[in-house]
Amino acid sequence: MKEKTYKLETAENHYSDRKYNVNICFPEFTCLCPRTGLPDFATIIIDYQPKDLLVELKSLKLYFLNYRNKGIFHEHVTNMILDDFKKSCKPFSIVVTAKFGTRGGIDTTVKSSWPN
């Protein structure tokens, strides 16, 4: 059975005449280590300044499920989330921070931003 792929959905920003920041924190992110297949756990933090579109939060939660069974490096998943979010919402700016849990005695935090 093929897994469903979830897409980010958007909503109109009724306050596009002003700049403001949105901070989203998702502490239940999971993906798989591409080397061992073991689960990796992370908190994903998205800070963005919307233009005309906002991300619809339920679609974001479902979008994160796309990674649940995916073997992917921390750096790659962080940048993929930024690229997909930027493509769907077209914000003024965005920063994605992924704080991964300890694995093998190493904590990893990856931060990617646009524009740089």
N, C-alpha and C. Protein backbone atom coordinates (compact mmCIF):
# COMPACT_ATOMS: atom_id res chain seq x y z
N MET A 1 0.84 -1.19 0.00
CA MET A 1 0.00 0.00 0.00
C MET A 1 0.88 1.25 0.00
N LYS A 2 0.62 2.15 -0.92
CA LYS A 2 1.41 3.37 -1.05
C LYS A 2 1.01 4.37 0.04
N GLU A 3 2.04 5.00 0.66
CA GLU A 3 1.78 6.00 1.68
C GLU A 3 1.26 7.28 1.04
N LYS A 4 0.36 7.93 1.73
CA LYS A 4 -0.18 9.20 1.26
C LYS A 4 0.86 10.30 1.43
N THR A 5 0.94 11.19 0.47
CA THR A 5 1.82 12.35 0.56
C THR A 5 0.97 13.56 0.89
N TYR A 6 1.37 14.28 1.93
CA TYR A 6 0.63 15.45 2.37
C TYR A 6 1.29 16.72 1.86
N LYS A 7 0.49 17.65 1.39
CA LYS A 7 0.95 18.93 0.86
C LYS A 7 0.61 20.05 1.84
N LEU A 8 1.42 21.09 1.82
CA LEU A 8 1.12 22.27 2.62
C LEU A 8 0.00 23.06 1.96
N GLU A 9 -0.96 23.45 2.77
CA GLU A 9 -2.05 24.28 2.29
C GLU A 9 -1.90 25.67 2.88
N THR A 10 -2.52 26.63 2.24
CA THR A 10 -2.39 28.02 2.69
C THR A 10 -3.76 28.66 2.88
N ALA A 11 -3.73 29.79 3.55
CA ALA A 11 -4.94 30.61 3.73
C ALA A 11 -4.54 32.06 3.46
N GLU A 12 -5.52 32.85 3.08
CA GLU A 12 -5.25 34.26 2.79
C GLU A 12 -4.86 35.00 4.07
N ASN A 13 -3.85 35.84 3.94
CA ASN A 13 -3.42 36.69 5.05
C ASN A 13 -4.23 37.99 4.99
N HIS A 14 -5.14 38.15 5.93
CA HIS A 14 -6.00 39.34 5.95
C HIS A 14 -5.27 40.59 6.44
N TYR A 15 -4.03 40.43 6.89
CA TYR A 15 -3.24 41.55 7.40
C TYR A 15 -1.94 41.70 6.62
N SER A 16 -2.04 41.50 5.31
CA SER A 16 -0.85 41.58 4.47
C SER A 16 -0.34 43.01 4.31
N ASP A 17 -1.07 43.98 4.83
CA ASP A 17 -0.64 45.38 4.76
C ASP A 17 0.39 45.72 5.83
N ARG A 18 0.72 44.76 6.71
CA ARG A 18 1.71 45.00 7.76
C ARG A 18 2.64 43.82 7.88
N LYS A 19 3.80 44.08 8.43
CA LYS A 19 4.75 43.00 8.67
C LYS A 19 4.62 42.54 10.11
N TYR A 20 4.55 41.23 10.27
CA TYR A 20 4.51 40.63 11.60
C TYR A 20 5.13 39.24 11.52
N ASN A 21 5.51 38.70 12.65
CA ASN A 21 6.18 37.41 12.71
C ASN A 21 5.24 36.34 13.23
N VAL A 22 5.39 35.14 12.70
CA VAL A 22 4.66 33.97 13.17
C VAL A 22 5.70 32.94 13.61
N ASN A 23 5.52 32.39 14.80
CA ASN A 23 6.41 31.37 15.34
C ASN A 23 5.60 30.09 15.55
N ILE A 24 6.04 29.02 14.92
CA ILE A 24 5.36 27.72 15.03
C ILE A 24 6.36 26.73 15.63
N CYS A 25 5.93 26.01 16.63
CA CYS A 25 6.80 25.02 17.28
C CYS A 25 6.10 23.66 17.23
N PHE A 26 6.79 22.68 16.66
CA PHE A 26 6.25 21.33 16.55
C PHE A 26 7.21 20.37 17.25
N PRO A 27 6.91 19.99 18.50
CA PRO A 27 7.85 19.17 19.28
C PRO A 27 7.76 17.67 19.03
N GLU A 28 6.96 17.24 18.06
CA GLU A 28 6.74 15.80 17.87
C GLU A 28 7.21 15.30 16.50
N PHE A 29 8.21 15.95 15.92
CA PHE A 29 8.70 15.57 14.60
C PHE A 29 9.52 14.28 14.69
N THR A 30 9.32 13.39 13.73
CA THR A 30 10.13 12.18 13.65
C THR A 30 10.50 11.90 12.19
N CYS A 31 11.68 11.33 12.04
CA CYS A 31 12.13 10.81 10.77
C CYS A 31 13.04 9.62 11.11
N LEU A 32 13.70 9.06 10.11
CA LEU A 32 14.57 7.91 10.36
C LEU A 32 16.01 8.25 10.02
N CYS A 33 16.93 7.70 10.80
CA CYS A 33 18.35 7.81 10.50
C CYS A 33 18.61 7.07 9.18
N PRO A 34 19.23 7.73 8.21
CA PRO A 34 19.45 7.06 6.93
C PRO A 34 20.49 5.95 7.00
N ARG A 35 21.28 5.91 8.05
CA ARG A 35 22.31 4.87 8.19
C ARG A 35 21.80 3.64 8.93
N THR A 36 21.05 3.88 10.03
CA THR A 36 20.64 2.76 10.89
C THR A 36 19.16 2.41 10.76
N GLY A 37 18.36 3.34 10.26
CA GLY A 37 16.92 3.12 10.20
C GLY A 37 16.22 3.37 11.53
N LEU A 38 16.99 3.77 12.54
CA LEU A 38 16.40 4.07 13.85
C LEU A 38 15.72 5.43 13.82
N PRO A 39 14.71 5.63 14.68
CA PRO A 39 13.99 6.90 14.66
C PRO A 39 14.83 8.06 15.22
N ASP A 40 14.67 9.21 14.59
CA ASP A 40 15.22 10.47 15.08
C ASP A 40 14.05 11.34 15.50
N PHE A 41 14.20 12.01 16.63
CA PHE A 41 13.14 12.87 17.16
C PHE A 41 13.64 14.30 17.19
N ALA A 42 12.76 15.24 16.85
CA ALA A 42 13.17 16.64 16.81
C ALA A 42 12.02 17.55 17.16
N THR A 43 12.38 18.75 17.56
CA THR A 43 11.45 19.87 17.66
C THR A 43 11.75 20.76 16.47
N ILE A 44 10.74 21.03 15.66
CA ILE A 44 10.87 21.91 14.51
C ILE A 44 10.26 23.26 14.86
N ILE A 45 11.04 24.31 14.68
CA ILE A 45 10.57 25.67 14.95
C ILE A 45 10.63 26.44 13.64
N ILE A 46 9.51 27.01 13.26
CA ILE A 46 9.42 27.81 12.04
C ILE A 46 9.05 29.24 12.44
N ASP A 47 9.92 30.17 12.08
CA ASP A 47 9.65 31.60 12.25
C ASP A 47 9.53 32.19 10.86
N TYR A 48 8.38 32.80 10.58
CA TYR A 48 8.25 33.40 9.26
C TYR A 48 7.49 34.70 9.32
N GLN A 49 7.73 35.53 8.30
CA GLN A 49 7.06 36.80 8.14
C GLN A 49 6.19 36.68 6.88
N PRO A 50 4.88 36.50 7.08
CA PRO A 50 4.02 36.23 5.92
C PRO A 50 3.83 37.43 5.01
N LYS A 51 3.58 37.12 3.73
CA LYS A 51 3.16 38.13 2.76
C LYS A 51 1.65 37.97 2.59
N ASP A 52 1.25 37.40 1.47
CA ASP A 52 -0.17 37.26 1.15
C ASP A 52 -0.78 35.96 1.67
N LEU A 53 0.05 34.99 2.03
CA LEU A 53 -0.46 33.68 2.43
C LEU A 53 0.07 33.24 3.79
N LEU A 54 -0.77 32.52 4.50
CA LEU A 54 -0.40 31.89 5.77
C LEU A 54 -0.41 30.39 5.57
N VAL A 55 0.40 29.67 6.34
CA VAL A 55 0.32 28.22 6.28
C VAL A 55 -0.89 27.78 7.11
N GLU A 56 -1.61 26.79 6.60
CA GLU A 56 -2.73 26.22 7.35
C GLU A 56 -2.12 25.17 8.27
N LEU A 57 -2.33 25.33 9.59
CA LEU A 57 -1.59 24.55 10.58
C LEU A 57 -1.88 23.05 10.55
N LYS A 58 -3.11 22.65 10.30
CA LYS A 58 -3.39 21.22 10.24
C LYS A 58 -2.65 20.59 9.07
N SER A 59 -2.58 21.29 7.95
CA SER A 59 -1.84 20.75 6.81
C SER A 59 -0.35 20.66 7.12
N LEU A 60 0.17 21.58 7.93
CA LEU A 60 1.57 21.52 8.33
C LEU A 60 1.82 20.29 9.20
N LYS A 61 0.92 20.03 10.13
CA LYS A 61 1.04 18.85 10.98
C LYS A 61 1.04 17.58 10.14
N LEU A 62 0.13 17.49 9.17
CA LEU A 62 0.08 16.33 8.29
C LEU A 62 1.30 16.26 7.38
N TYR A 63 1.76 17.41 6.91
CA TYR A 63 2.96 17.47 6.07
C TYR A 63 4.15 16.84 6.78
N PHE A 64 4.29 17.09 8.07
CA PHE A 64 5.40 16.52 8.83
C PHE A 64 5.36 14.99 8.83
N LEU A 65 4.17 14.39 8.65
CA LEU A 65 4.07 12.93 8.58
C LEU A 65 4.79 12.35 7.37
N ASN A 66 5.02 13.18 6.35
CA ASN A 66 5.75 12.72 5.17
C ASN A 66 7.14 12.21 5.52
N TYR A 67 7.69 12.69 6.62
CA TYR A 67 9.06 12.35 7.01
C TYR A 67 9.14 11.19 7.99
N ARG A 68 8.03 10.78 8.52
CA ARG A 68 8.00 9.79 9.60
C ARG A 68 8.74 8.50 9.26
N ASN A 69 8.62 8.02 8.04
CA ASN A 69 9.27 6.77 7.62
C ASN A 69 10.36 7.01 6.59
N LYS A 70 10.87 8.23 6.56
CA LYS A 70 11.88 8.61 5.56
C LYS A 70 13.26 8.64 6.20
N GLY A 71 14.20 7.93 5.61
CA GLY A 71 15.59 8.00 6.05
C GLY A 71 16.23 9.23 5.47
N ILE A 72 16.61 10.19 6.33
CA ILE A 72 17.10 11.47 5.84
C ILE A 72 18.02 12.11 6.88
N PHE A 73 19.06 12.77 6.39
CA PHE A 73 19.98 13.47 7.28
C PHE A 73 19.32 14.73 7.85
N HIS A 74 19.74 15.10 9.05
CA HIS A 74 19.16 16.27 9.75
C HIS A 74 19.25 17.53 8.90
N GLU A 75 20.40 17.74 8.29
CA GLU A 75 20.61 18.94 7.48
C GLU A 75 19.67 18.97 6.28
N HIS A 76 19.45 17.80 5.69
CA HIS A 76 18.60 17.74 4.50
C HIS A 76 17.14 17.98 4.84
N VAL A 77 16.66 17.37 5.91
CA VAL A 77 15.25 17.54 6.25
C VAL A 77 14.95 18.99 6.61
N THR A 78 15.86 19.65 7.30
CA THR A 78 15.66 21.06 7.69
C THR A 78 15.53 21.93 6.44
N ASN A 79 16.41 21.72 5.48
CA ASN A 79 16.37 22.52 4.26
C ASN A 79 15.19 22.16 3.36
N MET A 80 14.77 20.91 3.37
CA MET A 80 13.58 20.53 2.60
C MET A 80 12.33 21.20 3.15
N ILE A 81 12.21 21.25 4.48
CA ILE A 81 11.07 21.91 5.09
C ILE A 81 11.07 23.39 4.70
N LEU A 82 12.22 24.03 4.78
CA LEU A 82 12.30 25.45 4.39
C LEU A 82 11.88 25.63 2.93
N ASP A 83 12.41 24.81 2.04
CA ASP A 83 12.09 24.94 0.61
C ASP A 83 10.60 24.75 0.34
N ASP A 84 10.00 23.73 0.94
CA ASP A 84 8.58 23.47 0.72
C ASP A 84 7.71 24.58 1.29
N PHE A 85 8.07 25.07 2.47
CA PHE A 85 7.31 26.15 3.11
C PHE A 85 7.42 27.42 2.26
N LYS A 86 8.63 27.74 1.83
CA LYS A 86 8.86 28.94 1.01
C LYS A 86 8.07 28.86 -0.29
N LYS A 87 8.06 27.69 -0.90
CA LYS A 87 7.35 27.51 -2.17
C LYS A 87 5.84 27.68 -2.00
N SER A 88 5.28 27.19 -0.91
CA SER A 88 3.83 27.25 -0.75
C SER A 88 3.35 28.61 -0.23
N CYS A 89 4.06 29.20 0.71
CA CYS A 89 3.58 30.43 1.36
C CYS A 89 4.18 31.71 0.79
N LYS A 90 5.35 31.60 0.18
CA LYS A 90 6.04 32.77 -0.39
C LYS A 90 6.16 33.90 0.65
N PRO A 91 6.76 33.64 1.80
CA PRO A 91 6.86 34.66 2.85
C PRO A 91 7.94 35.69 2.54
N PHE A 92 7.93 36.79 3.30
CA PHE A 92 9.02 37.78 3.21
C PHE A 92 10.33 37.13 3.67
N SER A 93 10.23 36.35 4.75
CA SER A 93 11.41 35.67 5.29
C SER A 93 10.96 34.45 6.08
N ILE A 94 11.92 33.53 6.26
CA ILE A 94 11.63 32.31 7.01
C ILE A 94 12.92 31.77 7.61
N VAL A 95 12.80 31.24 8.82
CA VAL A 95 13.89 30.53 9.48
C VAL A 95 13.30 29.22 10.00
N VAL A 96 13.95 28.11 9.65
CA VAL A 96 13.55 26.81 10.16
C VAL A 96 14.69 26.30 11.04
N THR A 97 14.34 25.98 12.29
CA THR A 97 15.30 25.44 13.23
C THR A 97 14.83 24.04 13.62
N ALA A 98 15.74 23.08 13.49
CA ALA A 98 15.43 21.70 13.87
C ALA A 98 16.37 21.29 15.00
N LYS A 99 15.79 21.03 16.17
CA LYS A 99 16.57 20.61 17.33
C LYS A 99 16.35 19.12 17.52
N PHE A 100 17.35 18.33 17.12
CA PHE A 100 17.25 16.88 17.18
C PHE A 100 17.72 16.36 18.53
N GLY A 101 17.06 15.30 18.98
CA GLY A 101 17.41 14.68 20.25
C GLY A 101 18.78 14.04 20.20
N THR A 102 19.30 13.75 21.36
CA THR A 102 20.64 13.17 21.48
C THR A 102 20.68 11.78 20.85
N ARG A 103 21.71 11.57 20.03
CA ARG A 103 21.95 10.25 19.44
C ARG A 103 23.45 10.03 19.49
N GLY A 104 23.85 8.94 20.15
CA GLY A 104 25.27 8.63 20.27
C GLY A 104 26.05 9.69 21.01
N GLY A 105 25.38 10.36 21.95
CA GLY A 105 26.03 11.40 22.74
C GLY A 105 26.15 12.74 22.03
N ILE A 106 25.49 12.89 20.89
CA ILE A 106 25.58 14.14 20.12
C ILE A 106 24.20 14.76 19.96
N ASP A 107 24.10 16.03 20.33
CA ASP A 107 22.90 16.83 20.05
C ASP A 107 23.15 17.60 18.76
N THR A 108 22.13 17.69 17.92
CA THR A 108 22.27 18.41 16.66
C THR A 108 21.16 19.44 16.53
N THR A 109 21.54 20.69 16.21
CA THR A 109 20.58 21.73 15.87
C THR A 109 20.97 22.27 14.51
N VAL A 110 20.00 22.29 13.60
CA VAL A 110 20.23 22.80 12.25
C VAL A 110 19.30 23.99 12.05
N LYS A 111 19.87 25.10 11.56
CA LYS A 111 19.08 26.30 11.31
C LYS A 111 19.31 26.72 9.87
N SER A 112 18.22 26.90 9.13
CA SER A 112 18.29 27.33 7.75
C SER A 112 17.37 28.53 7.56
N SER A 113 17.81 29.51 6.78
CA SER A 113 17.00 30.72 6.63
C SER A 113 16.95 31.19 5.19
N TRP A 114 15.93 31.97 4.90
CA TRP A 114 15.77 32.63 3.61
C TRP A 114 15.08 33.98 3.84
N PRO A 115 15.47 35.07 3.24
CA PRO A 115 16.72 35.13 2.50
C PRO A 115 17.91 34.99 3.44
N ASN A 116 19.05 34.64 2.89
CA ASN A 116 20.24 34.39 3.71
C ASN A 116 20.76 35.65 4.35
